[in-house]
Amino acid sequence: MLARRNEKSIIVFMKTVSIYTTDTCTYCKQAKELFKEKGIEYNEYNVGHDADKRKEMIDKTGQMGVPVIQIGDDVMVGFDRTAVLEALGM
C-alpha cells in the first residue's frame, strides 16, 4: 500500500508501483521525477545491472525498451505522463 500525504488528507493507493530502468534512460528519470513530485513510493529495478530483472521485464512485455512501468496489473512500456497519472488514479 502506498500513501501520499498532502495538506488536507492522506490518499492511499492500493497498487504497487514498479519501474524497470537503466542508468542512461532519460524517460526513466522523468518517470521517477513524477513519482517524487507526487509522493509516490516505487520499486526500481535497474535492468542494466540485474539480469534476472531484465528477464522478468522481457517476459512481461516481450521488449527490451525502458522504462517499463507497472502500476498494479497495468504494464506500460515507455513514459506517458498522462497514462501514468491515470493508472495512479490522479
PDB file of N, CA and C in Angstrom:
ATOM      1  N   MET A   1       0.840  -1.169   0.000  1.00  0.00           N
ATOM      2  CA  MET A   1       0.000   0.000   0.000  1.00  0.00           C
ATOM      3  C   MET A   1       0.888   1.235   0.000  1.00  0.00           C
ATOM      4  N   LEU A   2       0.532   2.191  -0.781  1.00  0.00           N
ATOM      5  CA  LEU A   2       1.287   3.429  -0.880  1.00  0.00           C
ATOM      6  C   LEU A   2       0.440   4.570  -0.355  1.00  0.00           C
ATOM      7  N   ALA A   3       1.070   5.514   0.296  1.00  0.00           N
ATOM      8  CA  ALA A   3       0.330   6.662   0.814  1.00  0.00           C
ATOM      9  C   ALA A   3       0.980   7.941   0.334  1.00  0.00           C
ATOM     10  N   ARG A   4       0.154   8.897   0.040  1.00  0.00           N
ATOM     11  CA  ARG A   4       0.634  10.219  -0.327  1.00  0.00           C
ATOM     12  C   ARG A   4      -0.060  11.188   0.612  1.00  0.00           C
ATOM     13  N   ARG A   5       0.694  11.994   1.284  1.00  0.00           N
ATOM     14  CA  ARG A   5       0.156  12.934   2.251  1.00  0.00           C
ATOM     15  C   ARG A   5       0.170  14.327   1.636  1.00  0.00           C
ATOM     16  N   ASN A   6      -0.959  15.000   1.733  1.00  0.00           N
ATOM     17  CA  ASN A   6      -0.981  16.399   1.332  1.00  0.00           C
ATOM     18  C   ASN A   6      -1.518  17.209   2.503  1.00  0.00           C
ATOM     19  N   GLU A   7      -1.743  18.484   2.323  1.00  0.00           N
ATOM     20  CA  GLU A   7      -2.125  19.347   3.435  1.00  0.00           C
ATOM     21  C   GLU A   7      -3.488  18.999   4.020  1.00  0.00           C
ATOM     22  N   LYS A   8      -4.364  18.410   3.233  1.00  0.00           N
ATOM     23  CA  LYS A   8      -5.725  18.194   3.696  1.00  0.00           C
ATOM     24  C   LYS A   8      -6.033  16.759   4.082  1.00  0.00           C
ATOM     25  N   SER A   9      -5.333  15.802   3.488  1.00  0.00           N
ATOM     26  CA  SER A   9      -5.708  14.420   3.742  1.00  0.00           C
ATOM     27  C   SER A   9      -4.573  13.479   3.354  1.00  0.00           C
ATOM     28  N   ILE A  10      -4.803  12.218   3.635  1.00  0.00           N
ATOM     29  CA  ILE A  10      -3.895  11.167   3.187  1.00  0.00           C
ATOM     30  C   ILE A  10      -4.630  10.368   2.126  1.00  0.00           C
ATOM     31  N   ILE A  11      -4.002  10.221   0.973  1.00  0.00           N
ATOM     32  CA  ILE A  11      -4.582   9.448  -0.109  1.00  0.00           C
ATOM     33  C   ILE A  11      -3.846   8.120  -0.141  1.00  0.00           C
ATOM     34  N   VAL A  12      -4.578   7.018  -0.116  1.00  0.00           N
ATOM     35  CA  VAL A  12      -3.961   5.704  -0.068  1.00  0.00           C
ATOM     36  C   VAL A  12      -4.129   5.018  -1.418  1.00  0.00           C
ATOM     37  N   PHE A  13      -3.025   4.515  -1.966  1.00  0.00           N
ATOM     38  CA  PHE A  13      -3.029   3.769  -3.210  1.00  0.00           C
ATOM     39  C   PHE A  13      -2.835   2.301  -2.875  1.00  0.00           C
ATOM     40  N   MET A  14      -3.688   1.460  -3.381  1.00  0.00           N
ATOM     41  CA  MET A  14      -3.587   0.032  -3.120  1.00  0.00           C
ATOM     42  C   MET A  14      -2.712  -0.664  -4.170  1.00  0.00           C
ATOM     43  N   LYS A  15      -2.241   0.067  -5.148  1.00  0.00           N
ATOM     44  CA  LYS A  15      -1.466  -0.519  -6.228  1.00  0.00           C
ATOM     45  C   LYS A  15       0.033  -0.389  -5.952  1.00  0.00           C
ATOM     46  N   THR A  16       0.761  -1.449  -6.212  1.00  0.00           N
ATOM     47  CA  THR A  16       2.216  -1.403  -6.130  1.00  0.00           C
ATOM     48  C   THR A  16       2.754  -0.778  -7.415  1.00  0.00           C
ATOM     49  N   VAL A  17       3.741   0.084  -7.271  1.00  0.00           N
ATOM     50  CA  VAL A  17       4.343   0.761  -8.414  1.00  0.00           C
ATOM     51  C   VAL A  17       5.786   0.291  -8.557  1.00  0.00           C
ATOM     52  N   SER A  18       6.131  -0.163  -9.759  1.00  0.00           N
ATOM     53  CA  SER A  18       7.497  -0.603 -10.053  1.00  0.00           C
ATOM     54  C   SER A  18       7.934   0.003 -11.374  1.00  0.00           C
ATOM     55  N   ILE A  19       9.241   0.252 -11.477  1.00  0.00           N
ATOM     56  CA  ILE A  19       9.796   0.769 -12.731  1.00  0.00           C
ATOM     57  C   ILE A  19      11.095   0.029 -13.025  1.00  0.00           C
ATOM     58  N   TYR A  20      11.198  -0.429 -14.270  1.00  0.00           N
ATOM     59  CA  TYR A  20      12.408  -1.074 -14.773  1.00  0.00           C
ATOM     60  C   TYR A  20      13.172  -0.007 -15.538  1.00  0.00           C
ATOM     61  N   THR A  21      14.440   0.197 -15.185  1.00  0.00           N
ATOM     62  CA  THR A  21      15.210   1.326 -15.695  1.00  0.00           C
ATOM     63  C   THR A  21      16.600   0.896 -16.152  1.00  0.00           C
ATOM     64  N   THR A  22      17.300   1.868 -16.738  1.00  0.00           N
ATOM     65  CA  THR A  22      18.742   1.774 -16.953  1.00  0.00           C
ATOM     66  C   THR A  22      19.345   3.105 -16.498  1.00  0.00           C
ATOM     67  N   ASP A  23      20.654   3.127 -16.353  1.00  0.00           N
ATOM     68  CA  ASP A  23      21.330   4.333 -15.867  1.00  0.00           C
ATOM     69  C   ASP A  23      21.210   5.518 -16.826  1.00  0.00           C
ATOM     70  N   THR A  24      21.103   5.263 -18.112  1.00  0.00           N
ATOM     71  CA  THR A  24      21.158   6.345 -19.097  1.00  0.00           C
ATOM     72  C   THR A  24      19.803   6.738 -19.680  1.00  0.00           C
ATOM     73  N   CYS A  25      18.734   6.181 -19.188  1.00  0.00           N
ATOM     74  CA  CYS A  25      17.406   6.395 -19.757  1.00  0.00           C
ATOM     75  C   CYS A  25      16.791   7.716 -19.275  1.00  0.00           C
ATOM     76  N   THR A  26      16.626   8.651 -20.191  1.00  0.00           N
ATOM     77  CA  THR A  26      16.041   9.956 -19.873  1.00  0.00           C
ATOM     78  C   THR A  26      14.587   9.826 -19.441  1.00  0.00           C
ATOM     79  N   TYR A  27      13.828   8.975 -20.130  1.00  0.00           N
ATOM     80  CA  TYR A  27      12.411   8.817 -19.779  1.00  0.00           C
ATOM     81  C   TYR A  27      12.237   8.143 -18.421  1.00  0.00           C
ATOM     82  N   CYS A  28      13.168   7.267 -18.060  1.00  0.00           N
ATOM     83  CA  CYS A  28      13.154   6.662 -16.729  1.00  0.00           C
ATOM     84  C   CYS A  28      13.301   7.749 -15.667  1.00  0.00           C
ATOM     85  N   LYS A  29      14.236   8.659 -15.901  1.00  0.00           N
ATOM     86  CA  LYS A  29      14.451   9.760 -14.960  1.00  0.00           C
ATOM     87  C   LYS A  29      13.216  10.640 -14.851  1.00  0.00           C
ATOM     88  N   GLN A  30      12.548  10.905 -15.980  1.00  0.00           N
ATOM     89  CA  GLN A  30      11.332  11.715 -15.954  1.00  0.00           C
ATOM     90  C   GLN A  30      10.230  11.024 -15.156  1.00  0.00           C
ATOM     91  N   ALA A  31      10.091   9.718 -15.331  1.00  0.00           N
ATOM     92  CA  ALA A  31       9.072   8.965 -14.588  1.00  0.00           C
ATOM     93  C   ALA A  31       9.361   9.008 -13.091  1.00  0.00           C
ATOM     94  N   LYS A  32      10.612   8.810 -12.722  1.00  0.00           N
ATOM     95  CA  LYS A  32      10.974   8.835 -11.298  1.00  0.00           C
ATOM     96  C   LYS A  32      10.773  10.227 -10.711  1.00  0.00           C
ATOM     97  N   GLU A  33      11.026  11.271 -11.495  1.00  0.00           N
ATOM     98  CA  GLU A  33      10.774  12.639 -11.030  1.00  0.00           C
ATOM     99  C   GLU A  33       9.278  12.858 -10.800  1.00  0.00           C
ATOM    100  N   LEU A  34       8.444  12.305 -11.670  1.00  0.00           N
ATOM    101  CA  LEU A  34       6.998  12.409 -11.484  1.00  0.00           C
ATOM    102  C   LEU A  34       6.574  11.706 -10.195  1.00  0.00           C
ATOM    103  N   PHE A  35       7.093  10.506  -9.968  1.00  0.00           N
ATOM    104  CA  PHE A  35       6.756   9.784  -8.734  1.00  0.00           C
ATOM    105  C   PHE A  35       7.162  10.603  -7.514  1.00  0.00           C
ATOM    106  N   LYS A  36       8.352  11.182  -7.556  1.00  0.00           N
ATOM    107  CA  LYS A  36       8.825  12.002  -6.443  1.00  0.00           C
ATOM    108  C   LYS A  36       7.922  13.222  -6.248  1.00  0.00           C
ATOM    109  N   GLU A  37       7.600  13.901  -7.352  1.00  0.00           N
ATOM    110  CA  GLU A  37       6.743  15.089  -7.307  1.00  0.00           C
ATOM    111  C   GLU A  37       5.387  14.781  -6.684  1.00  0.00           C
ATOM    112  N   LYS A  38       4.847  13.598  -6.981  1.00  0.00           N
ATOM    113  CA  LYS A  38       3.524  13.210  -6.487  1.00  0.00           C
ATOM    114  C   LYS A  38       3.578  12.434  -5.176  1.00  0.00           C
ATOM    115  N   GLY A  39       4.795  12.199  -4.660  1.00  0.00           N
ATOM    116  CA  GLY A  39       4.939  11.483  -3.391  1.00  0.00           C
ATOM    117  C   GLY A  39       4.608  10.006  -3.493  1.00  0.00           C
ATOM    118  N   ILE A  40       4.857   9.412  -4.650  1.00  0.00           N
ATOM    119  CA  ILE A  40       4.546   8.002  -4.882  1.00  0.00           C
ATOM    120  C   ILE A  40       5.773   7.154  -4.597  1.00  0.00           C
ATOM    121  N   GLU A  41       5.630   6.190  -3.711  1.00  0.00           N
ATOM    122  CA  GLU A  41       6.709   5.239  -3.452  1.00  0.00           C
ATOM    123  C   GLU A  41       6.713   4.207  -4.567  1.00  0.00           C
ATOM    124  N   TYR A  42       7.905   3.742  -4.937  1.00  0.00           N
ATOM    125  CA  TYR A  42       8.006   2.787  -6.029  1.00  0.00           C
ATOM    126  C   TYR A  42       9.219   1.896  -5.835  1.00  0.00           C
ATOM    127  N   ASN A  43       9.169   0.745  -6.492  1.00  0.00           N
ATOM    128  CA  ASN A  43      10.302  -0.171  -6.550  1.00  0.00           C
ATOM    129  C   ASN A  43      11.013   0.092  -7.861  1.00  0.00           C
ATOM    130  N   GLU A  44      12.343   0.215  -7.807  1.00  0.00           N
ATOM    131  CA  GLU A  44      13.123   0.439  -9.014  1.00  0.00           C
ATOM    132  C   GLU A  44      14.024  -0.757  -9.268  1.00  0.00           C
ATOM    133  N   TYR A  45      13.999  -1.226 -10.508  1.00  0.00           N
ATOM    134  CA  TYR A  45      14.839  -2.343 -10.920  1.00  0.00           C
ATOM    135  C   TYR A  45      15.703  -1.886 -12.089  1.00  0.00           C
ATOM    136  N   ASN A  46      17.008  -1.869 -11.893  1.00  0.00           N
ATOM    137  CA  ASN A  46      17.927  -1.444 -12.940  1.00  0.00           C
ATOM    138  C   ASN A  46      18.299  -2.667 -13.773  1.00  0.00           C
ATOM    139  N   VAL A  47      17.703  -2.766 -14.948  1.00  0.00           N
ATOM    140  CA  VAL A  47      17.898  -3.939 -15.800  1.00  0.00           C
ATOM    141  C   VAL A  47      19.244  -3.922 -16.517  1.00  0.00           C
ATOM    142  N   GLY A  48      19.961  -2.826 -16.417  1.00  0.00           N
ATOM    143  CA  GLY A  48      21.315  -2.777 -16.947  1.00  0.00           C
ATOM    144  C   GLY A  48      22.296  -3.522 -16.066  1.00  0.00           C
ATOM    145  N   HIS A  49      21.924  -3.712 -14.807  1.00  0.00           N
ATOM    146  CA  HIS A  49      22.795  -4.376 -13.838  1.00  0.00           C
ATOM    147  C   HIS A  49      22.239  -5.704 -13.332  1.00  0.00           C
ATOM    148  N   ASP A  50      20.941  -5.909 -13.477  1.00  0.00           N
ATOM    149  CA  ASP A  50      20.277  -7.075 -12.878  1.00  0.00           C
ATOM    150  C   ASP A  50      19.673  -7.947 -13.982  1.00  0.00           C
ATOM    151  N   ALA A  51      20.365  -9.026 -14.325  1.00  0.00           N
ATOM    152  CA  ALA A  51      19.934  -9.901 -15.421  1.00  0.00           C
ATOM    153  C   ALA A  51      18.599 -10.576 -15.118  1.00  0.00           C
ATOM    154  N   ASP A  52      18.353 -10.927 -13.861  1.00  0.00           N
ATOM    155  CA  ASP A  52      17.084 -11.573 -13.502  1.00  0.00           C
ATOM    156  C   ASP A  52      15.910 -10.618 -13.720  1.00  0.00           C
ATOM    157  N   LYS A  53      16.069  -9.361 -13.317  1.00  0.00           N
ATOM    158  CA  LYS A  53      15.008  -8.364 -13.513  1.00  0.00           C
ATOM    159  C   LYS A  53      14.844  -8.030 -14.995  1.00  0.00           C
ATOM    160  N   ARG A  54      15.948  -8.045 -15.751  1.00  0.00           N
ATOM    161  CA  ARG A  54      15.868  -7.825 -17.190  1.00  0.00           C
ATOM    162  C   ARG A  54      15.025  -8.919 -17.844  1.00  0.00           C
ATOM    163  N   LYS A  55      15.263 -10.180 -17.455  1.00  0.00           N
ATOM    164  CA  LYS A  55      14.478 -11.292 -17.992  1.00  0.00           C
ATOM    165  C   LYS A  55      13.016 -11.147 -17.570  1.00  0.00           C
ATOM    166  N   GLU A  56      12.776 -10.769 -16.331  1.00  0.00           N
ATOM    167  CA  GLU A  56      11.412 -10.566 -15.845  1.00  0.00           C
ATOM    168  C   GLU A  56      10.698  -9.498 -16.690  1.00  0.00           C
ATOM    169  N   MET A  57      11.395  -8.396 -16.974  1.00  0.00           N
ATOM    170  CA  MET A  57      10.826  -7.312 -17.775  1.00  0.00           C
ATOM    171  C   MET A  57      10.496  -7.797 -19.188  1.00  0.00           C
ATOM    172  N   ILE A  58      11.406  -8.534 -19.788  1.00  0.00           N
ATOM    173  CA  ILE A  58      11.182  -9.044 -21.141  1.00  0.00           C
ATOM    174  C   ILE A  58      10.022 -10.034 -21.151  1.00  0.00           C
ATOM    175  N   ASP A  59       9.930 -10.873 -20.131  1.00  0.00           N
ATOM    176  CA  ASP A  59       8.820 -11.829 -20.039  1.00  0.00           C
ATOM    177  C   ASP A  59       7.475 -11.093 -19.933  1.00  0.00           C
ATOM    178  N   LYS A  60       7.451  -9.960 -19.242  1.00  0.00           N
ATOM    179  CA  LYS A  60       6.209  -9.190 -19.073  1.00  0.00           C
ATOM    180  C   LYS A  60       5.798  -8.479 -20.354  1.00  0.00           C
ATOM    181  N   THR A  61       6.782  -7.992 -21.120  1.00  0.00           N
ATOM    182  CA  THR A  61       6.472  -7.101 -22.232  1.00  0.00           C
ATOM    183  C   THR A  61       6.858  -7.643 -23.603  1.00  0.00           C
ATOM    184  N   GLY A  62       7.778  -8.583 -23.643  1.00  0.00           N
ATOM    185  CA  GLY A  62       8.291  -9.057 -24.917  1.00  0.00           C
ATOM    186  C   GLY A  62       9.249  -8.062 -25.560  1.00  0.00           C
ATOM    187  N   GLN A  63       9.672  -7.046 -24.787  1.00  0.00           N
ATOM    188  CA  GLN A  63      10.516  -5.985 -25.324  1.00  0.00           C
ATOM    189  C   GLN A  63      11.692  -5.709 -24.400  1.00  0.00           C
ATOM    190  N   MET A  64      12.696  -5.014 -24.958  1.00  0.00           N
ATOM    191  CA  MET A  64      13.869  -4.632 -24.178  1.00  0.00           C
ATOM    192  C   MET A  64      13.859  -3.139 -23.845  1.00  0.00           C
ATOM    193  N   GLY A  65      12.883  -2.380 -24.327  1.00  0.00           N
ATOM    194  CA  GLY A  65      12.850  -0.939 -24.107  1.00  0.00           C
ATOM    195  C   GLY A  65      12.499  -0.577 -22.678  1.00  0.00           C
ATOM    196  N   VAL A  66      13.091   0.503 -22.196  1.00  0.00           N
ATOM    197  CA  VAL A  66      12.783   1.046 -20.879  1.00  0.00           C
ATOM    198  C   VAL A  66      12.342   2.499 -21.042  1.00  0.00           C
ATOM    199  N   PRO A  67      11.618   3.034 -20.098  1.00  0.00           N
ATOM    200  CA  PRO A  67      11.188   2.367 -18.892  1.00  0.00           C
ATOM    201  C   PRO A  67      10.014   1.428 -19.141  1.00  0.00           C
ATOM    202  N   VAL A  68       9.908   0.446 -18.267  1.00  0.00           N
ATOM    203  CA  VAL A  68       8.695  -0.335 -18.141  1.00  0.00           C
ATOM    204  C   VAL A  68       8.154   0.018 -16.768  1.00  0.00           C
ATOM    205  N   ILE A  69       6.930   0.499 -16.757  1.00  0.00           N
ATOM    206  CA  ILE A  69       6.299   0.933 -15.515  1.00  0.00           C
ATOM    207  C   ILE A  69       5.120   0.014 -15.250  1.00  0.00           C
ATOM    208  N   GLN A  70       5.081  -0.560 -14.056  1.00  0.00           N
ATOM    209  CA  GLN A  70       3.962  -1.404 -13.664  1.00  0.00           C
ATOM    210  C   GLN A  70       3.271  -0.750 -12.478  1.00  0.00           C
ATOM    211  N   ILE A  71       1.981  -0.507 -12.656  1.00  0.00           N
ATOM    212  CA  ILE A  71       1.148   0.069 -11.601  1.00  0.00           C
ATOM    213  C   ILE A  71       0.001  -0.911 -11.394  1.00  0.00           C
ATOM    214  N   GLY A  72       0.054  -1.628 -10.279  1.00  0.00           N
ATOM    215  CA  GLY A  72      -0.905  -2.718 -10.081  1.00  0.00           C
ATOM    216  C   GLY A  72      -0.690  -3.743 -11.177  1.00  0.00           C
ATOM    217  N   ASP A  73      -1.765  -4.063 -11.909  1.00  0.00           N
ATOM    218  CA  ASP A  73      -1.673  -5.027 -13.006  1.00  0.00           C
ATOM    219  C   ASP A  73      -1.389  -4.371 -14.351  1.00  0.00           C
ATOM    220  N   ASP A  74      -1.394  -3.042 -14.399  1.00  0.00           N
ATOM    221  CA  ASP A  74      -1.153  -2.310 -15.643  1.00  0.00           C
ATOM    222  C   ASP A  74       0.346  -2.207 -15.912  1.00  0.00           C
ATOM    223  N   VAL A  75       0.761  -2.609 -17.117  1.00  0.00           N
ATOM    224  CA  VAL A  75       2.167  -2.543 -17.517  1.00  0.00           C
ATOM    225  C   VAL A  75       2.272  -1.632 -18.735  1.00  0.00           C
ATOM    226  N   MET A  76       3.167  -0.633 -18.638  1.00  0.00           N
ATOM    227  CA  MET A  76       3.371   0.321 -19.722  1.00  0.00           C
ATOM    228  C   MET A  76       4.825   0.305 -20.156  1.00  0.00           C
ATOM    229  N   VAL A  77       5.041   0.301 -21.462  1.00  0.00           N
ATOM    230  CA  VAL A  77       6.390   0.428 -21.994  1.00  0.00           C
ATOM    231  C   VAL A  77       6.545   1.873 -22.452  1.00  0.00           C
ATOM    232  N   GLY A  78       7.561   2.542 -21.937  1.00  0.00           N
ATOM    233  CA  GLY A  78       7.759   3.955 -22.236  1.00  0.00           C
ATOM    234  C   GLY A  78       7.130   4.811 -21.153  1.00  0.00           C
ATOM    235  N   PHE A  79       7.317   6.114 -21.280  1.00  0.00           N
ATOM    236  CA  PHE A  79       6.787   7.044 -20.280  1.00  0.00           C
ATOM    237  C   PHE A  79       5.786   7.984 -20.922  1.00  0.00           C
ATOM    238  N   ASP A  80       4.555   7.881 -20.460  1.00  0.00           N
ATOM    239  CA  ASP A  80       3.477   8.770 -20.873  1.00  0.00           C
ATOM    240  C   ASP A  80       2.877   9.325 -19.588  1.00  0.00           C
ATOM    241  N   ARG A  81       3.204  10.575 -19.279  1.00  0.00           N
ATOM    242  CA  ARG A  81       2.789  11.196 -18.019  1.00  0.00           C
ATOM    243  C   ARG A  81       1.288  11.046 -17.777  1.00  0.00           C
ATOM    244  N   THR A  82       0.490  11.320 -18.786  1.00  0.00           N
ATOM    245  CA  THR A  82      -0.971  11.243 -18.635  1.00  0.00           C
ATOM    246  C   THR A  82      -1.411   9.830 -18.311  1.00  0.00           C
ATOM    247  N   ALA A  83      -0.868   8.841 -19.004  1.00  0.00           N
ATOM    248  CA  ALA A  83      -1.236   7.448 -18.764  1.00  0.00           C
ATOM    249  C   ALA A  83      -0.817   6.990 -17.367  1.00  0.00           C
ATOM    250  N   VAL A  84       0.360   7.434 -16.918  1.00  0.00           N
ATOM    251  CA  VAL A  84       0.825   7.071 -15.578  1.00  0.00           C
ATOM    252  C   VAL A  84      -0.090   7.674 -14.519  1.00  0.00           C
ATOM    253  N   LEU A  85      -0.418   8.948 -14.662  1.00  0.00           N
ATOM    254  CA  LEU A  85      -1.298   9.593 -13.692  1.00  0.00           C
ATOM    255  C   LEU A  85      -2.680   8.954 -13.689  1.00  0.00           C
ATOM    256  N   GLU A  86      -3.171   8.586 -14.843  1.00  0.00           N
ATOM    257  CA  GLU A  86      -4.467   7.915 -14.934  1.00  0.00           C
ATOM    258  C   GLU A  86      -4.423   6.570 -14.223  1.00  0.00           C
ATOM    259  N   ALA A  87      -3.361   5.801 -14.452  1.00  0.00           N
ATOM    260  CA  ALA A  87      -3.221   4.484 -13.804  1.00  0.00           C
ATOM    261  C   ALA A  87      -3.120   4.624 -12.285  1.00  0.00           C
ATOM    262  N   LEU A  88      -2.571   5.751 -11.833  1.00  0.00           N
ATOM    263  CA  LEU A  88      -2.478   6.028 -10.396  1.00  0.00           C
ATOM    264  C   LEU A  88      -3.788   6.577  -9.829  1.00  0.00           C
ATOM    265  N   GLY A  89      -4.727   6.899 -10.693  1.00  0.00           N
ATOM    266  CA  GLY A  89      -5.988   7.471 -10.238  1.00  0.00           C
ATOM    267  C   GLY A  89      -5.875   8.933  -9.892  1.00  0.00           C
ATOM    268  N   MET A  90      -4.978   9.651 -10.550  1.00  0.00           N
ATOM    269  CA  MET A  90      -4.750  11.068 -10.255  1.00  0.00           C
ATOM    270  C   MET A  90      -5.193  11.945 -11.416  1.00  0.00           C
TER     271      MET A  90
END
